[in-house]
Amino acid sequence: MSQPLPGGDSQRNPGDLSIRSDVAALDVVMALGGISLITGEPDQRAQAARQLDLLRYALRPLPSDPAAGLR
């Protein structure tokens, strides 16, 4: 797996699956579909991991987000 992003998930509970409340589930599915389409070859797995890390980081609830209180 790739290196964690700065300010990443080190302080989050590994079982915490909450995402930002302003993100629609369909948008997440579309982003995952795009990542799978552009990184479909075996030699692109490192790039796919980086893309997934970016998506995961971007979906984290903001401190002011009501979903942040679910931790």
Protein backbone atom coordinates (compact mmCIF):
# COMPACT_ATOMS: atom_id res chain seq x y z
CA MET A 1 0.00 0.00 0.00
CA SER A 2 1.13 3.55 -0.58
CA GLN A 3 2.35 5.97 2.07
CA PRO A 4 -0.34 7.73 4.15
CA LEU A 5 -1.17 11.30 3.23
CA PRO A 6 -0.15 14.07 5.65
CA GLY A 7 -2.77 14.48 8.35
CA GLY A 8 -4.14 11.14 7.25
CA ASP A 9 -6.08 8.46 9.03
CA SER A 10 -3.65 7.77 11.85
CA GLN A 11 -6.04 9.30 14.40
CA ARG A 12 -9.21 7.72 13.01
CA ASN A 13 -10.78 4.53 14.21
CA PRO A 14 -10.11 1.89 11.50
CA GLY A 15 -13.77 0.88 11.64
CA ASP A 16 -14.97 4.45 11.07
CA LEU A 17 -16.60 4.43 7.64
CA SER A 18 -18.22 7.87 7.83
CA ILE A 19 -17.76 10.18 4.87
CA ARG A 20 -18.47 13.86 4.35
CA SER A 21 -22.18 14.57 4.55
CA ASP A 22 -22.07 16.76 1.44
CA VAL A 23 -20.91 13.88 -0.79
CA ALA A 24 -23.47 11.75 -2.61
CA ALA A 25 -22.92 8.00 -2.66
CA LEU A 26 -23.30 7.99 -6.45
CA ASP A 27 -20.40 10.45 -6.73
CA VAL A 28 -18.19 8.06 -4.75
CA VAL A 29 -19.20 5.14 -6.97
CA MET A 30 -18.49 7.19 -10.10
CA ALA A 31 -15.06 8.19 -8.76
CA LEU A 32 -14.23 4.55 -7.99
CA GLY A 33 -15.37 3.57 -11.48
CA GLY A 34 -13.14 6.22 -13.01
CA ILE A 35 -10.14 5.05 -11.01
CA SER A 36 -10.74 1.46 -12.09
CA LEU A 37 -11.02 2.50 -15.74
CA ILE A 38 -7.85 4.57 -15.85
CA THR A 39 -5.75 2.15 -13.81
CA GLY A 40 -6.93 -1.17 -15.19
CA GLU A 41 -3.55 -2.64 -16.10
CA PRO A 42 -1.49 -4.62 -13.56
CA ASP A 43 1.47 -2.24 -13.92
CA GLN A 44 -0.78 0.66 -12.80
CA ARG A 45 -1.56 -0.73 -9.34
CA ALA A 46 0.68 1.78 -7.56
CA GLN A 47 -1.10 4.60 -9.36
CA ALA A 48 -4.49 3.10 -8.42
CA ALA A 49 -3.41 2.96 -4.76
CA ARG A 50 -2.41 6.63 -4.86
CA GLN A 51 -5.71 7.58 -6.49
CA LEU A 52 -7.67 5.63 -3.86
CA ASP A 53 -5.68 7.28 -1.07
CA LEU A 54 -6.53 10.70 -2.50
CA LEU A 55 -10.21 9.83 -2.75
CA ARG A 56 -10.28 8.40 0.77
CA TYR A 57 -8.56 11.49 2.16
CA ALA A 58 -10.95 13.82 0.32
CA LEU A 59 -14.00 11.97 1.67
CA ARG A 60 -13.06 12.34 5.34
CA PRO A 61 -15.58 14.42 7.28
CA LEU A 62 -14.46 17.97 7.95
CA PRO A 63 -14.26 18.97 11.63
CA SER A 64 -17.37 21.16 11.17
CA ASP A 65 -19.26 18.31 9.42
CA PRO A 66 -22.04 16.59 11.42
CA ALA A 67 -20.64 13.25 10.22
CA ALA A 68 -17.40 14.03 12.09
CA GLY A 69 -19.23 13.46 15.36
CA LEU A 70 -19.88 9.81 14.46
CA ARG A 71 -16.31 8.79 15.28
